[in-house]
């Protein structure tokens, strides 16, 4: 349990740190951290149940969903949250170890680690494609939950009967 908390906190801090390097405006740091932390939490849970491929897939889906919702709420590009949130999932260690095994001529181990890294990368891409296939209007509707009706209409162009009546007067 404690290692889960430490790993999620590490992913959160890592996402915020990557946001700093990536040049994200300061007001979005907490949301980038939340995206990375939630994504890593989903990965750890799903990996225990169904393996690293599906762990990465479900995690990528969660990250892209959160990124799109935060982008709607904060009126900024989705890539701000997406890139920072995906950062903990990227199989950098697997790619590095694959290169190492190739250099030391352990090709069997290189193939094994390389295939594992490729599987995770494919799962991340599939998660992104699945969620970006959903219409933006869905995220506008969900992203405006809890906002006052006038703000929804003004900021997101959502038409409501009250605003239409006020425009006619």
C-alpha atoms as a PDB file:
ATOM      1  CA  UNK A   1       0.000   0.000   0.000  1.00  0.00           C
ATOM      2  CA  UNK A   2       2.763   2.415   0.919  1.00  0.00           C
ATOM      3  CA  UNK A   3       4.654   1.701  -2.298  1.00  0.00           C
ATOM      4  CA  UNK A   4       1.470   2.504  -4.260  1.00  0.00           C
ATOM      5  CA  UNK A   5       1.207   5.910  -2.583  1.00  0.00           C
ATOM      6  CA  UNK A   6       4.903   6.628  -3.110  1.00  0.00           C
ATOM      7  CA  UNK A   7       4.714   5.619  -6.780  1.00  0.00           C
ATOM      8  CA  UNK A   8       1.627   7.774  -7.421  1.00  0.00           C
ATOM      9  CA  UNK A   9       3.246  10.744  -5.668  1.00  0.00           C
ATOM     10  CA  UNK A  10       6.404  10.160  -7.711  1.00  0.00           C
ATOM     11  CA  UNK A  11       4.401  10.138 -10.934  1.00  0.00           C
ATOM     12  CA  UNK A  12       2.612  13.317  -9.871  1.00  0.00           C
ATOM     13  CA  UNK A  13       5.859  15.116  -9.081  1.00  0.00           C
ATOM     14  CA  UNK A  14       7.440  13.778 -12.272  1.00  0.00           C
ATOM     15  CA  UNK A  15       4.550  15.083 -14.358  1.00  0.00           C
ATOM     16  CA  UNK A  16       4.790  18.522 -12.761  1.00  0.00           C
ATOM     17  CA  UNK A  17       8.565  18.547 -13.272  1.00  0.00           C
ATOM     18  CA  UNK A  18       8.138  17.598 -16.919  1.00  0.00           C
ATOM     19  CA  UNK A  19       5.551  20.378 -17.248  1.00  0.00           C
ATOM     20  CA  UNK A  20       8.120  22.824 -15.937  1.00  0.00           C
ATOM     21  CA  UNK A  21      10.674  21.675 -18.522  1.00  0.00           C
ATOM     22  CA  UNK A  22       8.049  21.568 -21.278  1.00  0.00           C
ATOM     23  CA  UNK A  23       7.161  25.235 -20.648  1.00  0.00           C
ATOM     24  CA  UNK A  24       3.617  24.816 -19.374  1.00  0.00           C
ATOM     25  CA  UNK A  25       2.167  27.959 -17.738  1.00  0.00           C
ATOM     26  CA  UNK A  26       2.300  27.807 -13.936  1.00  0.00           C
ATOM     27  CA  UNK A  27      -1.450  27.782 -13.371  1.00  0.00           C
ATOM     28  CA  UNK A  28      -1.678  24.360 -15.062  1.00  0.00           C
ATOM     29  CA  UNK A  29       0.990  22.577 -12.972  1.00  0.00           C
ATOM     30  CA  UNK A  30      -1.476  21.076 -10.471  1.00  0.00           C
ATOM     31  CA  UNK A  31      -3.697  19.715 -13.245  1.00  0.00           C
ATOM     32  CA  UNK A  32      -0.718  18.208 -15.076  1.00  0.00           C
ATOM     33  CA  UNK A  33       0.289  16.529 -11.818  1.00  0.00           C
ATOM     34  CA  UNK A  34      -3.214  15.181 -11.256  1.00  0.00           C
ATOM     35  CA  UNK A  35      -3.289  13.796 -14.782  1.00  0.00           C
ATOM     36  CA  UNK A  36       0.042  12.011 -14.356  1.00  0.00           C
ATOM     37  CA  UNK A  37      -0.783  10.729 -10.867  1.00  0.00           C
ATOM     38  CA  UNK A  38      -4.201   9.393 -11.814  1.00  0.00           C
ATOM     39  CA  UNK A  39      -2.767   7.805 -14.951  1.00  0.00           C
ATOM     40  CA  UNK A  40      -0.062   6.001 -12.994  1.00  0.00           C
ATOM     41  CA  UNK A  41      -2.589   4.900 -10.355  1.00  0.00           C
ATOM     42  CA  UNK A  42      -4.818   3.392 -13.060  1.00  0.00           C
ATOM     43  CA  UNK A  43      -1.767   1.732 -14.626  1.00  0.00           C
ATOM     44  CA  UNK A  44      -0.722   0.100 -11.351  1.00  0.00           C
ATOM     45  CA  UNK A  45      -4.226  -1.194 -10.636  1.00  0.00           C
ATOM     46  CA  UNK A  46      -4.913  -2.457 -14.155  1.00  0.00           C
ATOM     47  CA  UNK A  47      -1.441  -4.004 -14.474  1.00  0.00           C
ATOM     48  CA  UNK A  48      -2.106  -6.188 -11.431  1.00  0.00           C
ATOM     49  CA  UNK A  49      -5.350  -7.462 -12.933  1.00  0.00           C
ATOM     50  CA  UNK A  50      -4.616  -7.741 -16.645  1.00  0.00           C
ATOM     51  CA  UNK A  51      -0.913  -7.162 -17.386  1.00  0.00           C
ATOM     52  CA  UNK A  52       1.173  -4.273 -18.643  1.00  0.00           C
ATOM     53  CA  UNK A  53      -0.474  -3.915 -22.075  1.00  0.00           C
ATOM     54  CA  UNK A  54      -3.978  -3.421 -20.711  1.00  0.00           C
ATOM     55  CA  UNK A  55      -2.602  -1.436 -17.790  1.00  0.00           C
ATOM     56  CA  UNK A  56      -1.043   1.019 -20.233  1.00  0.00           C
ATOM     57  CA  UNK A  57      -4.176   1.025 -22.402  1.00  0.00           C
ATOM     58  CA  UNK A  58      -6.578   1.810 -19.544  1.00  0.00           C
ATOM     59  CA  UNK A  59      -4.147   4.320 -18.114  1.00  0.00           C
ATOM     60  CA  UNK A  60      -3.792   6.106 -21.451  1.00  0.00           C
ATOM     61  CA  UNK A  61      -7.583   6.226 -21.777  1.00  0.00           C
ATOM     62  CA  UNK A  62      -7.878   7.762 -18.301  1.00  0.00           C
ATOM     63  CA  UNK A  63      -5.123  10.285 -19.042  1.00  0.00           C
ATOM     64  CA  UNK A  64      -6.645  11.402 -22.340  1.00  0.00           C
ATOM     65  CA  UNK A  65     -10.130  11.664 -20.804  1.00  0.00           C
ATOM     66  CA  UNK A  66      -8.787  13.840 -17.998  1.00  0.00           C
ATOM     67  CA  UNK A  67      -6.695  15.881 -20.427  1.00  0.00           C
ATOM     68  CA  UNK A  68      -9.649  16.635 -22.649  1.00  0.00           C
ATOM     69  CA  UNK A  69     -11.841  17.566 -19.687  1.00  0.00           C
ATOM     70  CA  UNK A  70      -9.174  19.829 -18.182  1.00  0.00           C
ATOM     71  CA  UNK A  71      -8.590  21.443 -21.584  1.00  0.00           C
ATOM     72  CA  UNK A  72     -12.282  22.316 -21.839  1.00  0.00           C
ATOM     73  CA  UNK A  73     -12.453  23.609 -18.264  1.00  0.00           C
ATOM     74  CA  UNK A  74      -9.244  25.643 -18.482  1.00  0.00           C
ATOM     75  CA  UNK A  75      -9.625  26.840 -22.100  1.00  0.00           C
ATOM     76  CA  UNK A  76      -6.228  25.612 -23.252  1.00  0.00           C
ATOM     77  CA  UNK A  77      -4.819  22.977 -25.616  1.00  0.00           C
ATOM     78  CA  UNK A  78      -5.214  19.348 -24.609  1.00  0.00           C
ATOM     79  CA  UNK A  79      -1.530  18.654 -25.245  1.00  0.00           C
ATOM     80  CA  UNK A  80      -0.579  20.617 -22.124  1.00  0.00           C
ATOM     81  CA  UNK A  81      -2.123  17.940 -19.923  1.00  0.00           C
ATOM     82  CA  UNK A  82      -1.719  14.989 -22.274  1.00  0.00           C
ATOM     83  CA  UNK A  83       2.041  15.106 -22.713  1.00  0.00           C
ATOM     84  CA  UNK A  84       2.706  15.715 -19.026  1.00  0.00           C
ATOM     85  CA  UNK A  85       0.259  12.970 -18.026  1.00  0.00           C
ATOM     86  CA  UNK A  86       1.623  10.370 -20.441  1.00  0.00           C
ATOM     87  CA  UNK A  87       5.216  11.032 -19.352  1.00  0.00           C
ATOM     88  CA  UNK A  88       5.237   8.459 -16.491  1.00  0.00           C
ATOM     89  CA  UNK A  89       3.899   5.762 -18.845  1.00  0.00           C
ATOM     90  CA  UNK A  90       6.499   6.064 -21.577  1.00  0.00           C
ATOM     91  CA  UNK A  91       8.591   2.862 -21.614  1.00  0.00           C
ATOM     92  CA  UNK A  92      11.938   4.666 -21.529  1.00  0.00           C
ATOM     93  CA  UNK A  93      13.634   2.110 -19.280  1.00  0.00           C
ATOM     94  CA  UNK A  94      12.536  -0.719 -21.585  1.00  0.00           C
ATOM     95  CA  UNK A  95      13.957   1.043 -24.622  1.00  0.00           C
ATOM     96  CA  UNK A  96      17.188   1.826 -22.781  1.00  0.00           C
ATOM     97  CA  UNK A  97      17.574  -1.777 -21.601  1.00  0.00           C
ATOM     98  CA  UNK A  98      16.881  -3.030 -25.125  1.00  0.00           C
ATOM     99  CA  UNK A  99      19.733  -0.881 -26.415  1.00  0.00           C
ATOM    100  CA  UNK A 100      21.993  -2.124 -23.639  1.00  0.00           C
ATOM    101  CA  UNK A 101      21.251  -5.776 -24.406  1.00  0.00           C
ATOM    102  CA  UNK A 102      21.948  -5.206 -28.098  1.00  0.00           C
ATOM    103  CA  UNK A 103      25.312  -3.611 -27.255  1.00  0.00           C
ATOM    104  CA  UNK A 104      26.351  -6.493 -24.949  1.00  0.00           C
ATOM    105  CA  UNK A 105      25.142  -8.983 -27.583  1.00  0.00           C
ATOM    106  CA  UNK A 106      22.377 -10.556 -25.481  1.00  0.00           C
ATOM    107  CA  UNK A 107      19.888 -10.590 -28.344  1.00  0.00           C
ATOM    108  CA  UNK A 108      17.337 -12.848 -26.673  1.00  0.00           C
ATOM    109  CA  UNK A 109      16.951 -10.429 -23.758  1.00  0.00           C
ATOM    110  CA  UNK A 110      16.993  -7.470 -26.182  1.00  0.00           C
ATOM    111  CA  UNK A 111      14.100  -8.994 -28.104  1.00  0.00           C
ATOM    112  CA  UNK A 112      12.154  -9.674 -24.913  1.00  0.00           C
ATOM    113  CA  UNK A 113      12.535  -6.167 -23.443  1.00  0.00           C
ATOM    114  CA  UNK A 114      12.073  -4.543 -26.853  1.00  0.00           C
ATOM    115  CA  UNK A 115       8.777  -6.328 -27.454  1.00  0.00           C
ATOM    116  CA  UNK A 116       7.525  -5.374 -23.983  1.00  0.00           C
ATOM    117  CA  UNK A 117       8.380  -1.708 -24.653  1.00  0.00           C
ATOM    118  CA  UNK A 118       6.682  -1.797 -28.054  1.00  0.00           C
ATOM    119  CA  UNK A 119       3.539  -3.341 -26.534  1.00  0.00           C
ATOM    120  CA  UNK A 120       3.299  -0.532 -23.984  1.00  0.00           C
ATOM    121  CA  UNK A 121       3.877   2.102 -26.678  1.00  0.00           C
ATOM    122  CA  UNK A 122       1.139   0.577 -28.854  1.00  0.00           C
ATOM    123  CA  UNK A 123      -1.238   0.508 -25.887  1.00  0.00           C
ATOM    124  CA  UNK A 124      -0.589   4.209 -25.246  1.00  0.00           C
ATOM    125  CA  UNK A 125      -1.285   5.055 -28.890  1.00  0.00           C
ATOM    126  CA  UNK A 126      -4.483   2.991 -28.909  1.00  0.00           C
ATOM    127  CA  UNK A 127      -5.709   4.733 -25.750  1.00  0.00           C
ATOM    128  CA  UNK A 128      -5.098   8.135 -27.304  1.00  0.00           C
ATOM    129  CA  UNK A 129      -6.836   7.174 -30.557  1.00  0.00           C
ATOM    130  CA  UNK A 130      -9.860   5.702 -28.758  1.00  0.00           C
ATOM    131  CA  UNK A 131     -10.527   8.803 -26.677  1.00  0.00           C
ATOM    132  CA  UNK A 132      -9.778  11.291 -29.451  1.00  0.00           C
ATOM    133  CA  UNK A 133     -12.402   9.451 -31.481  1.00  0.00           C
ATOM    134  CA  UNK A 134     -15.063  10.759 -29.103  1.00  0.00           C
ATOM    135  CA  UNK A 135     -16.742  14.015 -30.182  1.00  0.00           C
ATOM    136  CA  UNK A 136     -15.624  17.304 -28.615  1.00  0.00           C
ATOM    137  CA  UNK A 137     -19.240  18.219 -27.828  1.00  0.00           C
ATOM    138  CA  UNK A 138     -19.321  15.388 -25.300  1.00  0.00           C
ATOM    139  CA  UNK A 139     -16.405  16.921 -23.410  1.00  0.00           C
ATOM    140  CA  UNK A 140     -17.947  20.379 -23.616  1.00  0.00           C
ATOM    141  CA  UNK A 141     -21.125  19.031 -22.020  1.00  0.00           C
ATOM    142  CA  UNK A 142     -19.273  17.123 -19.306  1.00  0.00           C
ATOM    143  CA  UNK A 143     -16.737  19.916 -18.777  1.00  0.00           C
ATOM    144  CA  UNK A 144     -19.448  22.475 -18.102  1.00  0.00           C
ATOM    145  CA  UNK A 145     -21.151  20.496 -15.335  1.00  0.00           C
ATOM    146  CA  UNK A 146     -21.332  22.706 -12.294  1.00  0.00           C
ATOM    147  CA  UNK A 147     -20.988  25.964 -14.232  1.00  0.00           C
ATOM    148  CA  UNK A 148     -23.688  28.590 -14.218  1.00  0.00           C
ATOM    149  CA  UNK A 149     -25.924  28.503 -17.271  1.00  0.00           C
ATOM    150  CA  UNK A 150     -24.904  31.994 -18.441  1.00  0.00           C
ATOM    151  CA  UNK A 151     -21.205  31.067 -18.330  1.00  0.00           C
ATOM    152  CA  UNK A 152     -21.844  27.846 -20.265  1.00  0.00           C
ATOM    153  CA  UNK A 153     -23.626  29.765 -22.995  1.00  0.00           C
ATOM    154  CA  UNK A 154     -21.094  32.573 -23.194  1.00  0.00           C
ATOM    155  CA  UNK A 155     -17.860  30.583 -22.987  1.00  0.00           C
ATOM    156  CA  UNK A 156     -18.764  27.393 -24.804  1.00  0.00           C
ATOM    157  CA  UNK A 157     -21.445  28.487 -27.230  1.00  0.00           C
ATOM    158  CA  UNK A 158     -24.009  26.123 -25.736  1.00  0.00           C
ATOM    159  CA  UNK A 159     -27.498  27.304 -26.588  1.00  0.00           C
ATOM    160  CA  UNK A 160     -30.187  27.313 -23.954  1.00  0.00           C
ATOM    161  CA  UNK A 161     -33.739  28.603 -23.969  1.00  0.00           C
ATOM    162  CA  UNK A 162     -33.108  31.239 -21.279  1.00  0.00           C
ATOM    163  CA  UNK A 163     -30.267  32.865 -23.195  1.00  0.00           C
ATOM    164  CA  UNK A 164     -32.234  32.799 -26.459  1.00  0.00           C
ATOM    165  CA  UNK A 165     -35.140  34.583 -24.746  1.00  0.00           C
ATOM    166  CA  UNK A 166     -32.802  37.229 -23.307  1.00  0.00           C
ATOM    167  CA  UNK A 167     -31.260  37.842 -26.741  1.00  0.00           C
ATOM    168  CA  UNK A 168     -34.700  38.428 -28.281  1.00  0.00           C
ATOM    169  CA  UNK A 169     -35.586  41.100 -25.685  1.00  0.00           C
END
